Amino acid sequence: MEVLLRVTDTVKSFRETRLSALRPVTEFFDFNRVSRPADLNTATTRISYNTRYFSGNYGVIIAILAVYAVLTNPLLLIALAFLIGGFAAINKFAPEPMQLGEHVVTQKSLYTGLFVIGIPLLWFASPVSTFFWLVGASSVLILGHASLLEPGIESEYTAVGEVV
């Protein structure tokens, strides 16, 4: 029960901090403000402003790409389920050492067995290439969107507020 309360508190705090920064979809996909930057300085200014302004939306994009990457790599999904499920099962069902015939099975030996099987399985699932794909895909999408979208009129007022 305590774990459930902790999870709900974490979800509430996440919703208050990150999801409150979400901008409306109509503003995020405002095609009237899309234009090619004149030079690198303009692109850099746009990227700097838009990454701060749309940080919540970009976080959602990264989360969607991460879920897509895990779901399209079945071996990675199996390896993660095996490792997470193994940790949960060991913590729930084997907190104390148990006697099996002549052998005493401890939590340490169960974790060792989990790692001996889980780490090679995870290695074959290529999480490093999935991570780099996620970094590359999200970078292209976010930097492309941030550089092509002109900042709104409110960006002029934030610059004035920073000077004061």
N, C-alpha and C. Protein backbone atom coordinates (compact mmCIF):
# COMPACT_ATOMS: atom_id res chain seq x y z
N MET A 1 0.82 -1.19 0.00
CA MET A 1 0.00 0.00 0.00
C MET A 1 0.86 1.26 0.00
N GLU A 2 1.98 1.18 0.76
CA GLU A 2 2.87 2.34 0.82
C GLU A 2 3.52 2.61 -0.54
N VAL A 3 3.83 1.53 -1.26
CA VAL A 3 4.43 1.67 -2.59
C VAL A 3 3.45 2.35 -3.54
N LEU A 4 2.17 1.99 -3.44
CA LEU A 4 1.15 2.59 -4.29
C LEU A 4 1.03 4.08 -4.03
N LEU A 5 1.10 4.48 -2.75
CA LEU A 5 1.04 5.91 -2.42
C LEU A 5 2.27 6.65 -2.95
N ARG A 6 3.43 6.00 -2.88
CA ARG A 6 4.64 6.61 -3.39
C ARG A 6 4.56 6.80 -4.91
N VAL A 7 4.02 5.80 -5.60
CA VAL A 7 3.87 5.89 -7.05
C VAL A 7 2.91 7.01 -7.42
N THR A 8 1.78 7.12 -6.71
CA THR A 8 0.82 8.18 -7.02
C THR A 8 1.41 9.55 -6.73
N ASP A 9 2.20 9.68 -5.67
CA ASP A 9 2.85 10.96 -5.39
C ASP A 9 3.85 11.31 -6.48
N THR A 10 4.57 10.32 -6.97
CA THR A 10 5.54 10.55 -8.04
C THR A 10 4.84 10.98 -9.32
N VAL A 11 3.73 10.32 -9.65
CA VAL A 11 2.97 10.68 -10.85
C VAL A 11 2.41 12.09 -10.72
N LYS A 12 1.90 12.44 -9.55
CA LYS A 12 1.36 13.79 -9.34
C LYS A 12 2.45 14.85 -9.49
N SER A 13 3.61 14.61 -8.89
CA SER A 13 4.69 15.59 -9.00
C SER A 13 5.18 15.70 -10.44
N PHE A 14 5.24 14.56 -11.16
CA PHE A 14 5.63 14.59 -12.57
C PHE A 14 4.63 15.40 -13.38
N ARG A 15 3.34 15.18 -13.11
CA ARG A 15 2.30 15.90 -13.85
C ARG A 15 2.38 17.40 -13.56
N GLU A 16 2.65 17.76 -12.32
CA GLU A 16 2.72 19.17 -11.96
C GLU A 16 3.95 19.86 -12.54
N THR A 17 5.08 19.16 -12.59
CA THR A 17 6.31 19.80 -13.05
C THR A 17 6.46 19.72 -14.57
N ARG A 18 6.44 18.52 -15.13
CA ARG A 18 6.72 18.34 -16.55
C ARG A 18 5.51 18.59 -17.44
N LEU A 19 4.38 18.02 -17.09
CA LEU A 19 3.23 18.14 -17.97
C LEU A 19 2.61 19.53 -17.93
N SER A 20 2.92 20.30 -16.88
CA SER A 20 2.43 21.68 -16.86
C SER A 20 3.18 22.53 -17.88
N ALA A 21 4.36 22.07 -18.30
CA ALA A 21 5.15 22.79 -19.30
C ALA A 21 4.74 22.46 -20.73
N LEU A 22 3.76 21.57 -20.89
CA LEU A 22 3.30 21.22 -22.24
C LEU A 22 2.59 22.41 -22.88
N ARG A 23 2.93 22.67 -24.10
CA ARG A 23 2.26 23.72 -24.88
C ARG A 23 1.18 23.06 -25.72
N PRO A 24 0.16 23.81 -26.09
CA PRO A 24 -0.91 23.21 -26.91
C PRO A 24 -0.38 22.69 -28.24
N VAL A 25 -1.02 21.65 -28.73
CA VAL A 25 -0.61 21.03 -29.99
C VAL A 25 -0.72 22.02 -31.15
N THR A 26 -1.74 22.87 -31.11
CA THR A 26 -1.90 23.86 -32.19
C THR A 26 -0.74 24.84 -32.21
N GLU A 27 -0.20 25.15 -31.04
CA GLU A 27 0.96 26.05 -30.98
C GLU A 27 2.24 25.32 -31.39
N PHE A 28 2.34 24.06 -31.00
CA PHE A 28 3.52 23.27 -31.32
C PHE A 28 3.62 23.00 -32.82
N PHE A 29 2.47 22.79 -33.48
CA PHE A 29 2.44 22.54 -34.92
C PHE A 29 1.87 23.72 -35.68
N ASP A 30 2.25 24.94 -35.31
CA ASP A 30 1.76 26.14 -35.99
C ASP A 30 2.54 26.32 -37.30
N PHE A 31 1.93 25.88 -38.40
CA PHE A 31 2.62 25.91 -39.69
C PHE A 31 2.78 27.33 -40.23
N ASN A 32 2.05 28.30 -39.70
CA ASN A 32 2.21 29.69 -40.12
C ASN A 32 3.53 30.28 -39.65
N ARG A 33 4.13 29.69 -38.61
CA ARG A 33 5.39 30.21 -38.07
C ARG A 33 6.61 29.43 -38.56
N VAL A 34 6.40 28.49 -39.46
CA VAL A 34 7.53 27.70 -39.97
C VAL A 34 8.21 28.46 -41.10
N SER A 35 9.52 28.62 -40.96
CA SER A 35 10.31 29.25 -42.02
C SER A 35 11.76 28.82 -41.89
N ARG A 36 12.46 28.93 -42.99
CA ARG A 36 13.87 28.57 -43.01
C ARG A 36 14.66 29.70 -42.34
N PRO A 37 15.55 29.36 -41.39
CA PRO A 37 16.35 30.42 -40.76
C PRO A 37 17.29 31.07 -41.77
N ALA A 38 17.49 32.37 -41.63
CA ALA A 38 18.31 33.11 -42.58
C ALA A 38 19.78 32.71 -42.49
N ASP A 39 20.28 32.49 -41.29
CA ASP A 39 21.67 32.12 -41.11
C ASP A 39 21.83 31.27 -39.85
N LEU A 40 23.04 30.89 -39.54
CA LEU A 40 23.31 30.04 -38.39
C LEU A 40 22.98 30.74 -37.08
N ASN A 41 23.21 32.05 -37.01
CA ASN A 41 22.91 32.81 -35.80
C ASN A 41 21.41 32.78 -35.50
N THR A 42 20.59 32.95 -36.52
CA THR A 42 19.14 32.90 -36.36
C THR A 42 18.70 31.50 -35.92
N ALA A 43 19.28 30.48 -36.54
CA ALA A 43 18.93 29.10 -36.18
C ALA A 43 19.31 28.82 -34.73
N THR A 44 20.47 29.28 -34.30
CA THR A 44 20.91 29.08 -32.92
C THR A 44 20.00 29.79 -31.94
N THR A 45 19.59 31.00 -32.26
CA THR A 45 18.67 31.74 -31.40
C THR A 45 17.32 31.02 -31.30
N ARG A 46 16.82 30.55 -32.43
CA ARG A 46 15.55 29.82 -32.43
C ARG A 46 15.65 28.54 -31.60
N ILE A 47 16.74 27.79 -31.79
CA ILE A 47 16.91 26.55 -31.06
C ILE A 47 16.99 26.82 -29.56
N SER A 48 17.71 27.85 -29.19
CA SER A 48 17.84 28.19 -27.77
C SER A 48 16.49 28.54 -27.16
N TYR A 49 15.72 29.34 -27.84
CA TYR A 49 14.41 29.74 -27.30
C TYR A 49 13.41 28.58 -27.33
N ASN A 50 13.29 27.91 -28.47
CA ASN A 50 12.27 26.87 -28.61
C ASN A 50 12.52 25.65 -27.74
N THR A 51 13.79 25.30 -27.49
CA THR A 51 14.04 24.16 -26.61
C THR A 51 13.61 24.46 -25.18
N ARG A 52 13.73 25.69 -24.74
CA ARG A 52 13.23 26.05 -23.41
C ARG A 52 11.71 26.15 -23.41
N TYR A 53 11.16 26.77 -24.44
CA TYR A 53 9.72 27.03 -24.49
C TYR A 53 8.91 25.74 -24.66
N PHE A 54 9.38 24.83 -25.51
CA PHE A 54 8.67 23.59 -25.78
C PHE A 54 9.31 22.39 -25.07
N SER A 55 9.97 22.59 -23.95
CA SER A 55 10.69 21.50 -23.28
C SER A 55 9.76 20.35 -22.90
N GLY A 56 8.55 20.64 -22.46
CA GLY A 56 7.60 19.59 -22.12
C GLY A 56 7.21 18.76 -23.33
N ASN A 57 6.95 19.44 -24.44
CA ASN A 57 6.58 18.74 -25.67
C ASN A 57 7.73 17.87 -26.19
N TYR A 58 8.95 18.39 -26.09
CA TYR A 58 10.10 17.62 -26.53
C TYR A 58 10.32 16.41 -25.62
N GLY A 59 10.05 16.55 -24.34
CA GLY A 59 10.13 15.41 -23.43
C GLY A 59 9.16 14.31 -23.81
N VAL A 60 7.94 14.70 -24.21
CA VAL A 60 6.94 13.73 -24.65
C VAL A 60 7.41 13.03 -25.93
N ILE A 61 8.03 13.78 -26.83
CA ILE A 61 8.55 13.19 -28.07
C ILE A 61 9.63 12.14 -27.75
N ILE A 62 10.53 12.48 -26.83
CA ILE A 62 11.58 11.52 -26.45
C ILE A 62 10.96 10.29 -25.81
N ALA A 63 9.96 10.47 -24.96
CA ALA A 63 9.30 9.32 -24.31
C ALA A 63 8.61 8.43 -25.34
N ILE A 64 7.94 9.03 -26.32
CA ILE A 64 7.28 8.25 -27.36
C ILE A 64 8.30 7.48 -28.19
N LEU A 65 9.41 8.13 -28.54
CA LEU A 65 10.46 7.44 -29.30
C LEU A 65 11.09 6.31 -28.48
N ALA A 66 11.24 6.50 -27.17
CA ALA A 66 11.81 5.45 -26.32
C ALA A 66 10.89 4.25 -26.25
N VAL A 67 9.60 4.49 -26.10
CA VAL A 67 8.63 3.39 -26.08
C VAL A 67 8.64 2.67 -27.43
N TYR A 68 8.68 3.42 -28.51
CA TYR A 68 8.74 2.82 -29.85
C TYR A 68 10.00 1.95 -30.00
N ALA A 69 11.13 2.47 -29.53
CA ALA A 69 12.39 1.73 -29.66
C ALA A 69 12.35 0.42 -28.89
N VAL A 70 11.77 0.44 -27.70
CA VAL A 70 11.71 -0.79 -26.90
C VAL A 70 10.71 -1.77 -27.50
N LEU A 71 9.57 -1.27 -27.97
CA LEU A 71 8.56 -2.15 -28.53
C LEU A 71 8.97 -2.78 -29.86
N THR A 72 9.81 -2.09 -30.62
CA THR A 72 10.24 -2.64 -31.91
C THR A 72 11.49 -3.51 -31.79
N ASN A 73 12.03 -3.65 -30.61
CA ASN A 73 13.16 -4.53 -30.37
C ASN A 73 12.71 -5.61 -29.39
N PRO A 74 12.12 -6.70 -29.88
CA PRO A 74 11.54 -7.70 -28.99
C PRO A 74 12.53 -8.33 -28.03
N LEU A 75 13.77 -8.53 -28.46
CA LEU A 75 14.76 -9.13 -27.57
C LEU A 75 15.08 -8.19 -26.40
N LEU A 76 15.13 -6.90 -26.67
CA LEU A 76 15.35 -5.93 -25.60
C LEU A 76 14.17 -5.92 -24.64
N LEU A 77 12.98 -6.01 -25.17
CA LEU A 77 11.78 -6.06 -24.34
C LEU A 77 11.79 -7.31 -23.45
N ILE A 78 12.17 -8.44 -24.01
CA ILE A 78 12.26 -9.69 -23.23
C ILE A 78 13.34 -9.58 -22.16
N ALA A 79 14.50 -9.03 -22.53
CA ALA A 79 15.60 -8.91 -21.57
C ALA A 79 15.23 -7.99 -20.41
N LEU A 80 14.61 -6.86 -20.73
CA LEU A 80 14.19 -5.94 -19.67
C LEU A 80 13.11 -6.55 -18.79
N ALA A 81 12.16 -7.24 -19.40
CA ALA A 81 11.11 -7.90 -18.62
C ALA A 81 11.71 -8.98 -17.73
N PHE A 82 12.67 -9.75 -18.25
CA PHE A 82 13.33 -10.79 -17.47
C PHE A 82 14.07 -10.20 -16.28
N LEU A 83 14.85 -9.15 -16.51
CA LEU A 83 15.63 -8.56 -15.42
C LEU A 83 14.73 -7.88 -14.38
N ILE A 84 13.79 -7.08 -14.82
CA ILE A 84 12.90 -6.38 -13.88
C ILE A 84 12.01 -7.38 -13.14
N GLY A 85 11.46 -8.34 -13.89
CA GLY A 85 10.63 -9.38 -13.26
C GLY A 85 11.44 -10.23 -12.29
N GLY A 86 12.68 -10.52 -12.64
CA GLY A 86 13.55 -11.30 -11.76
C GLY A 86 13.84 -10.57 -10.46
N PHE A 87 14.15 -9.28 -10.56
CA PHE A 87 14.37 -8.49 -9.35
C PHE A 87 13.13 -8.48 -8.47
N ALA A 88 11.98 -8.25 -9.09
CA ALA A 88 10.73 -8.19 -8.32
C ALA A 88 10.43 -9.54 -7.68
N ALA A 89 10.62 -10.63 -8.42
CA ALA A 89 10.32 -11.96 -7.88
C ALA A 89 11.28 -12.33 -6.75
N ILE A 90 12.55 -12.02 -6.90
CA ILE A 90 13.51 -12.33 -5.84
C ILE A 90 13.18 -11.53 -4.58
N ASN A 91 12.88 -10.25 -4.74
CA ASN A 91 12.57 -9.43 -3.57
C ASN A 91 11.28 -9.87 -2.89
N LYS A 92 10.30 -10.33 -3.67
CA LYS A 92 9.01 -10.68 -3.09
C LYS A 92 9.00 -12.09 -2.51
N PHE A 93 9.54 -13.07 -3.24
CA PHE A 93 9.39 -14.46 -2.85
C PHE A 93 10.60 -15.07 -2.14
N ALA A 94 11.75 -14.42 -2.18
CA ALA A 94 12.94 -15.02 -1.56
C ALA A 94 13.72 -14.03 -0.71
N PRO A 95 13.07 -13.38 0.27
CA PRO A 95 13.83 -12.45 1.11
C PRO A 95 14.76 -13.18 2.09
N GLU A 96 14.41 -14.40 2.46
CA GLU A 96 15.20 -15.19 3.41
C GLU A 96 15.84 -16.37 2.69
N PRO A 97 17.00 -16.86 3.18
CA PRO A 97 17.59 -18.05 2.58
C PRO A 97 16.66 -19.25 2.74
N MET A 98 16.67 -20.13 1.73
CA MET A 98 15.83 -21.33 1.81
C MET A 98 16.65 -22.58 1.52
N GLN A 99 16.21 -23.66 2.08
CA GLN A 99 16.90 -24.94 1.94
C GLN A 99 16.26 -25.73 0.81
N LEU A 100 17.06 -26.11 -0.18
CA LEU A 100 16.61 -26.98 -1.27
C LEU A 100 17.50 -28.22 -1.27
N GLY A 101 17.04 -29.28 -0.65
CA GLY A 101 17.85 -30.48 -0.54
C GLY A 101 19.05 -30.21 0.34
N GLU A 102 20.25 -30.40 -0.22
CA GLU A 102 21.48 -30.15 0.52
C GLU A 102 21.94 -28.70 0.41
N HIS A 103 21.38 -27.94 -0.51
CA HIS A 103 21.87 -26.60 -0.80
C HIS A 103 21.02 -25.53 -0.11
N VAL A 104 21.70 -24.47 0.30
CA VAL A 104 21.04 -23.29 0.85
C VAL A 104 21.07 -22.23 -0.25
N VAL A 105 19.90 -21.78 -0.66
CA VAL A 105 19.79 -20.76 -1.71
C VAL A 105 19.54 -19.42 -1.04
N THR A 106 20.47 -18.50 -1.26
CA THR A 106 20.35 -17.16 -0.68
C THR A 106 19.92 -16.17 -1.75
N GLN A 107 19.58 -14.98 -1.30
CA GLN A 107 19.21 -13.92 -2.24
C GLN A 107 20.40 -13.57 -3.13
N LYS A 108 21.59 -13.60 -2.55
CA LYS A 108 22.80 -13.28 -3.31
C LYS A 108 23.00 -14.27 -4.46
N SER A 109 22.79 -15.55 -4.22
CA SER A 109 22.97 -16.54 -5.28
C SER A 109 21.88 -16.41 -6.35
N LEU A 110 20.67 -16.02 -5.94
CA LEU A 110 19.61 -15.79 -6.93
C LEU A 110 19.92 -14.59 -7.81
N TYR A 111 20.44 -13.52 -7.20
CA TYR A 111 20.84 -12.35 -7.99
C TYR A 111 21.99 -12.69 -8.94
N THR A 112 22.92 -13.52 -8.47
CA THR A 112 24.03 -13.93 -9.33
C THR A 112 23.50 -14.70 -10.54
N GLY A 113 22.58 -15.63 -10.31
CA GLY A 113 21.98 -16.37 -11.42
C GLY A 113 21.21 -15.46 -12.37
N LEU A 114 20.52 -14.48 -11.81
CA LEU A 114 19.78 -13.52 -12.65
C LEU A 114 20.74 -12.75 -13.53
N PHE A 115 21.86 -12.31 -12.97
CA PHE A 115 22.83 -11.56 -13.77
C PHE A 115 23.53 -12.44 -14.79
N VAL A 116 23.84 -13.68 -14.44
CA VAL A 116 24.53 -14.59 -15.36
C VAL A 116 23.67 -14.84 -16.60
N ILE A 117 22.36 -14.91 -16.42
CA ILE A 117 21.47 -15.11 -17.56
C ILE A 117 21.07 -13.78 -18.19
N GLY A 118 20.76 -12.77 -17.36
CA GLY A 118 20.20 -11.51 -17.85
C GLY A 118 21.17 -10.61 -18.58
N ILE A 119 22.41 -10.52 -18.12
CA ILE A 119 23.37 -9.62 -18.75
C ILE A 119 23.72 -10.07 -20.17
N PRO A 120 24.03 -11.36 -20.43
CA PRO A 120 24.25 -11.75 -21.84
C PRO A 120 23.00 -11.56 -22.70
N LEU A 121 21.83 -11.84 -22.13
CA LEU A 121 20.59 -11.62 -22.87
C LEU A 121 20.44 -10.14 -23.23
N LEU A 122 20.75 -9.28 -22.26
CA LEU A 122 20.68 -7.84 -22.51
C LEU A 122 21.74 -7.41 -23.53
N TRP A 123 22.92 -8.03 -23.47
CA TRP A 123 23.99 -7.69 -24.42
C TRP A 123 23.57 -8.01 -25.86
N PHE A 124 22.93 -9.18 -26.05
CA PHE A 124 22.48 -9.55 -27.40
C PHE A 124 21.33 -8.67 -27.87
N ALA A 125 20.63 -8.03 -26.96
CA ALA A 125 19.51 -7.17 -27.33
C ALA A 125 19.98 -5.80 -27.82
N SER A 126 21.25 -5.52 -27.74
CA SER A 126 21.90 -4.28 -28.20
C SER A 126 21.23 -3.01 -27.67
N PRO A 127 21.26 -2.80 -26.35
CA PRO A 127 20.68 -1.58 -25.81
C PRO A 127 21.49 -0.33 -26.16
N VAL A 128 22.79 -0.50 -26.42
CA VAL A 128 23.62 0.66 -26.75
C VAL A 128 23.21 1.23 -28.11
N SER A 129 23.00 0.37 -29.08
CA SER A 129 22.57 0.88 -30.39
C SER A 129 21.18 1.47 -30.32
N THR A 130 20.30 0.90 -29.49
CA THR A 130 18.97 1.47 -29.30
C THR A 130 19.08 2.84 -28.66
N PHE A 131 19.97 2.98 -27.67
CA PHE A 131 20.17 4.28 -27.02
C PHE A 131 20.67 5.32 -28.03
N PHE A 132 21.66 4.95 -28.84
CA PHE A 132 22.18 5.91 -29.81
C PHE A 132 21.15 6.24 -30.89
N TRP A 133 20.31 5.26 -31.27
CA TRP A 133 19.24 5.55 -32.20
C TRP A 133 18.28 6.56 -31.58
N LEU A 134 17.97 6.37 -30.30
CA LEU A 134 17.07 7.29 -29.61
C LEU A 134 17.66 8.69 -29.54
N VAL A 135 18.93 8.79 -29.23
CA VAL A 135 19.60 10.10 -29.18
C VAL A 135 19.59 10.75 -30.56
N GLY A 136 19.93 9.99 -31.59
CA GLY A 136 19.97 10.56 -32.94
C GLY A 136 18.60 10.96 -33.45
N ALA A 137 17.62 10.09 -33.29
CA ALA A 137 16.28 10.39 -33.80
C ALA A 137 15.66 11.58 -33.06
N SER A 138 15.80 11.61 -31.76
CA SER A 138 15.22 12.74 -31.01
C SER A 138 15.97 14.03 -31.31
N SER A 139 17.28 13.96 -31.50
CA SER A 139 18.04 15.17 -31.84
C SER A 139 17.61 15.74 -33.18
N VAL A 140 17.47 14.87 -34.17
CA VAL A 140 17.05 15.35 -35.49
C VAL A 140 15.66 15.98 -35.43
N LEU A 141 14.74 15.31 -34.77
CA LEU A 141 13.38 15.85 -34.68
C LEU A 141 13.33 17.15 -33.89
N ILE A 142 13.97 17.18 -32.74
CA ILE A 142 13.90 18.36 -31.88
C ILE A 142 14.65 19.54 -32.48
N LEU A 143 15.87 19.30 -32.93
CA LEU A 143 16.63 20.42 -33.52
C LEU A 143 16.01 20.90 -34.82
N GLY A 144 15.44 19.98 -35.60
CA GLY A 144 14.75 20.39 -36.82
C GLY A 144 13.54 21.25 -36.52
N HIS A 145 12.72 20.82 -35.58
CA HIS A 145 11.53 21.59 -35.22
C HIS A 145 11.93 22.93 -34.62
N ALA A 146 12.89 22.91 -33.69
CA ALA A 146 13.28 24.14 -32.99
C ALA A 146 13.91 25.16 -33.94
N SER A 147 14.63 24.71 -34.94
CA SER A 147 15.26 25.66 -35.85
C SER A 147 14.31 26.19 -36.91
N LEU A 148 13.29 25.42 -37.27
CA LEU A 148 12.36 25.86 -38.31
C LEU A 148 11.20 26.71 -37.79
N LEU A 149 10.88 26.59 -36.52
CA LEU A 149 9.73 27.31 -35.97
C LEU A 149 10.18 28.67 -35.42
N GLU A 150 9.60 29.73 -35.97
CA GLU A 150 9.92 31.08 -35.49
C GLU A 150 9.35 31.26 -34.09
N PRO A 151 10.11 31.90 -33.21
CA PRO A 151 9.56 32.17 -31.87
C PRO A 151 8.35 33.10 -31.97
N GLY A 152 7.41 32.89 -31.06
CA GLY A 152 6.21 33.73 -31.03
C GLY A 152 6.52 35.12 -30.54
N ILE A 153 5.51 35.95 -30.51
CA ILE A 153 5.68 37.33 -30.07
C ILE A 153 6.08 37.40 -28.60
N GLU A 154 5.71 36.38 -27.83
CA GLU A 154 6.04 36.38 -26.40
C GLU A 154 7.54 36.29 -26.16
N SER A 155 8.31 35.85 -27.17
CA SER A 155 9.76 35.77 -27.01
C SER A 155 10.38 37.15 -26.88
N GLU A 156 9.77 38.16 -27.49
CA GLU A 156 10.27 39.52 -27.37
C GLU A 156 10.14 40.02 -25.94
N TYR A 157 9.08 39.61 -25.27
CA TYR A 157 8.85 40.06 -23.89
C TYR A 157 9.73 39.33 -22.90
N THR A 158 10.10 38.10 -23.18
CA THR A 158 11.00 37.38 -22.26
C THR A 158 12.39 37.99 -22.31
N ALA A 159 12.82 38.48 -23.47
CA ALA A 159 14.13 39.13 -23.56
C ALA A 159 14.14 40.41 -22.76
N VAL A 160 13.02 41.15 -22.74
CA VAL A 160 12.94 42.39 -21.97
C VAL A 160 12.97 42.07 -20.48
N GLY A 161 12.29 41.00 -20.08
CA GLY A 161 12.24 40.60 -18.69
C GLY A 161 13.59 40.17 -18.15
N GLU A 162 14.45 39.60 -18.99
CA GLU A 162 15.76 39.15 -18.57
C GLU A 162 16.71 40.31 -18.38
N VAL A 163 16.51 41.41 -19.11
CA VAL A 163 17.41 42.56 -19.03
C VAL A 163 17.22 43.28 -17.71
N VAL A 164 15.97 43.36 -17.25
CA VAL A 164 15.67 44.13 -16.05
C VAL A 164 16.26 43.56 -14.83
